[in-house]
Amino acid sequence: MNRCNASKLHPALFSGFALYLLACICSAAWGQTVGRPIPQKAQIAQMVVTQPPNVLLNDLPDRLSPGARIRGPDNLLVLSGALVGKTHLVRYQREPNGQIHEVWILNESESQSPVGRNP
């Protein structure tokens, strides 16, 4: 026994789902065209994570802040444990206490551009 009138529900559900899919596709396309917001005042260095939160910046010992954010070449967050022993060219900013708080691992185009090399 069918108590639900499917002819009245189907167009409303279909149009709502179509709008949802359109919004998802448009936001994904917009996100791919926007560049990474690396501040101009961010400094550049070679970084090696030795044992988190300890790092080497240009072969000098330093430390990541407790809430440090490391963004990979694809702008996704990367955990410091995944970078142990690897050398990366990065741009970074410090927090008021002097610890490293924001890190951007540069991709090939950013590391070769003059803007990426000179903060």
Protein backbone atom coordinates (compact mmCIF):
# COMPACT_ATOMS: atom_id res chain seq x y z
CA MET A 1 0.00 0.00 0.00
CA ASN A 2 1.55 3.28 -1.14
CA ARG A 3 0.62 6.18 1.17
CA CYS A 4 3.16 8.65 -0.14
CA ASN A 5 2.42 10.66 -3.24
CA ALA A 6 5.80 10.43 -4.96
CA SER A 7 4.83 12.78 -7.81
CA LYS A 8 4.71 15.77 -5.42
CA LEU A 9 7.94 15.01 -3.55
CA HIS A 10 10.19 14.06 -6.44
CA PRO A 11 10.59 17.49 -8.17
CA ALA A 12 11.27 19.30 -4.89
CA LEU A 13 13.91 16.80 -3.81
CA PHE A 14 15.49 16.72 -7.26
CA SER A 15 15.76 20.52 -7.53
CA GLY A 16 17.21 20.81 -4.00
CA PHE A 17 19.77 18.11 -4.71
CA ALA A 18 20.69 19.75 -8.04
CA LEU A 19 21.28 23.10 -6.32
CA TYR A 20 23.42 21.41 -3.68
CA LEU A 21 25.58 19.71 -6.35
CA LEU A 22 25.93 22.96 -8.27
CA ALA A 23 27.12 24.78 -5.13
CA CYS A 24 29.67 22.05 -4.41
CA ILE A 25 31.06 22.11 -7.95
CA CYS A 26 31.30 25.90 -8.05
CA SER A 27 33.05 26.12 -4.68
CA ALA A 28 35.56 23.43 -5.67
CA ALA A 29 36.37 25.21 -8.93
CA TRP A 30 36.75 28.55 -7.13
CA GLY A 31 39.09 27.00 -4.57
CA GLN A 32 41.43 25.76 -7.28
CA THR A 33 41.86 29.19 -8.86
CA VAL A 34 42.67 31.12 -5.68
CA GLY A 35 46.39 31.40 -4.88
CA ARG A 36 47.92 30.62 -1.53
CA PRO A 37 47.74 33.54 0.90
CA ILE A 38 51.39 33.58 2.02
CA PRO A 39 52.10 36.93 3.71
CA GLN A 40 54.89 39.03 2.22
CA LYS A 41 56.51 39.42 5.64
CA ALA A 42 56.96 35.64 5.99
CA GLN A 43 60.62 34.69 6.09
CA ILE A 44 62.18 32.00 3.92
CA ALA A 45 64.40 29.13 5.13
CA GLN A 46 65.35 25.49 4.74
CA MET A 47 63.48 23.53 7.41
CA VAL A 48 64.11 20.03 8.75
CA VAL A 49 61.89 18.57 11.47
CA THR A 50 64.23 16.65 13.79
CA GLN A 51 61.89 15.51 16.56
CA PRO A 52 58.59 17.38 16.80
CA PRO A 53 58.30 20.16 17.90
CA ASN A 54 62.05 20.67 17.39
CA VAL A 55 63.21 21.80 13.95
CA LEU A 56 66.31 23.07 12.21
CA LEU A 57 65.92 26.34 10.30
CA ASN A 58 68.94 26.91 8.07
CA ASP A 59 70.82 24.39 10.26
CA LEU A 60 70.03 26.32 13.48
CA PRO A 61 67.86 24.72 16.19
CA ASP A 62 64.38 26.17 16.64
CA ARG A 63 60.97 25.12 17.92
CA LEU A 64 57.39 24.97 16.63
CA SER A 65 54.70 26.60 18.75
CA PRO A 66 52.08 24.36 20.40
CA GLY A 67 49.47 25.30 17.80
CA ALA A 68 51.77 25.46 14.78
CA ARG A 69 50.17 25.02 11.36
CA ILE A 70 52.24 23.53 8.56
CA ARG A 71 50.75 23.75 5.08
CA GLY A 72 52.08 21.47 2.36
CA PRO A 73 52.72 22.38 -1.29
CA ASP A 74 49.03 21.68 -2.01
CA ASN A 75 47.97 24.01 0.86
CA LEU A 76 46.67 21.12 2.99
CA LEU A 77 47.67 20.82 6.63
CA VAL A 78 50.61 18.50 7.28
CA LEU A 79 51.55 17.02 10.65
CA SER A 80 55.10 17.70 11.77
CA GLY A 81 55.67 13.99 12.42
CA ALA A 82 55.24 13.28 8.71
CA LEU A 83 58.15 15.62 7.88
CA VAL A 84 60.81 14.14 10.19
CA GLY A 85 64.21 14.05 8.51
CA LYS A 86 63.10 15.72 5.27
CA THR A 87 64.48 19.07 4.08
CA HIS A 88 61.93 21.56 2.72
CA LEU A 89 62.14 25.12 1.45
CA VAL A 90 59.55 27.00 3.52
CA ARG A 91 58.17 30.42 4.32
CA TYR A 92 57.35 30.88 8.00
CA GLN A 93 56.07 33.33 10.59
CA ARG A 94 56.70 33.46 14.32
CA GLU A 95 54.30 34.05 17.18
CA PRO A 96 54.92 36.82 19.76
CA ASN A 97 56.88 34.40 22.00
CA GLY A 98 59.35 33.75 19.18
CA GLN A 99 58.33 30.20 18.28
CA ILE A 100 57.43 29.23 14.71
CA HIS A 101 53.66 29.32 14.28
CA GLU A 102 52.82 29.35 10.54
CA VAL A 103 54.77 27.35 7.94
CA TRP A 104 54.17 27.07 4.20
CA ILE A 105 56.14 24.40 2.32
CA LEU A 106 56.86 25.94 -1.08
CA ASN A 107 55.97 24.08 -4.26
CA GLU A 108 58.18 24.15 -7.38
CA SER A 109 56.70 27.32 -8.89
CA GLU A 110 56.83 29.22 -5.59
CA SER A 111 60.40 28.19 -4.84
CA GLN A 112 61.63 29.30 -8.28
CA SER A 113 59.77 32.62 -8.44
CA PRO A 114 61.63 35.76 -7.31
CA VAL A 115 58.69 36.72 -5.07
CA GLY A 116 58.90 33.35 -3.28
CA ARG A 117 62.66 33.68 -2.81
CA ASN A 118 62.64 37.23 -1.39
CA PRO A 119 60.19 37.89 1.46
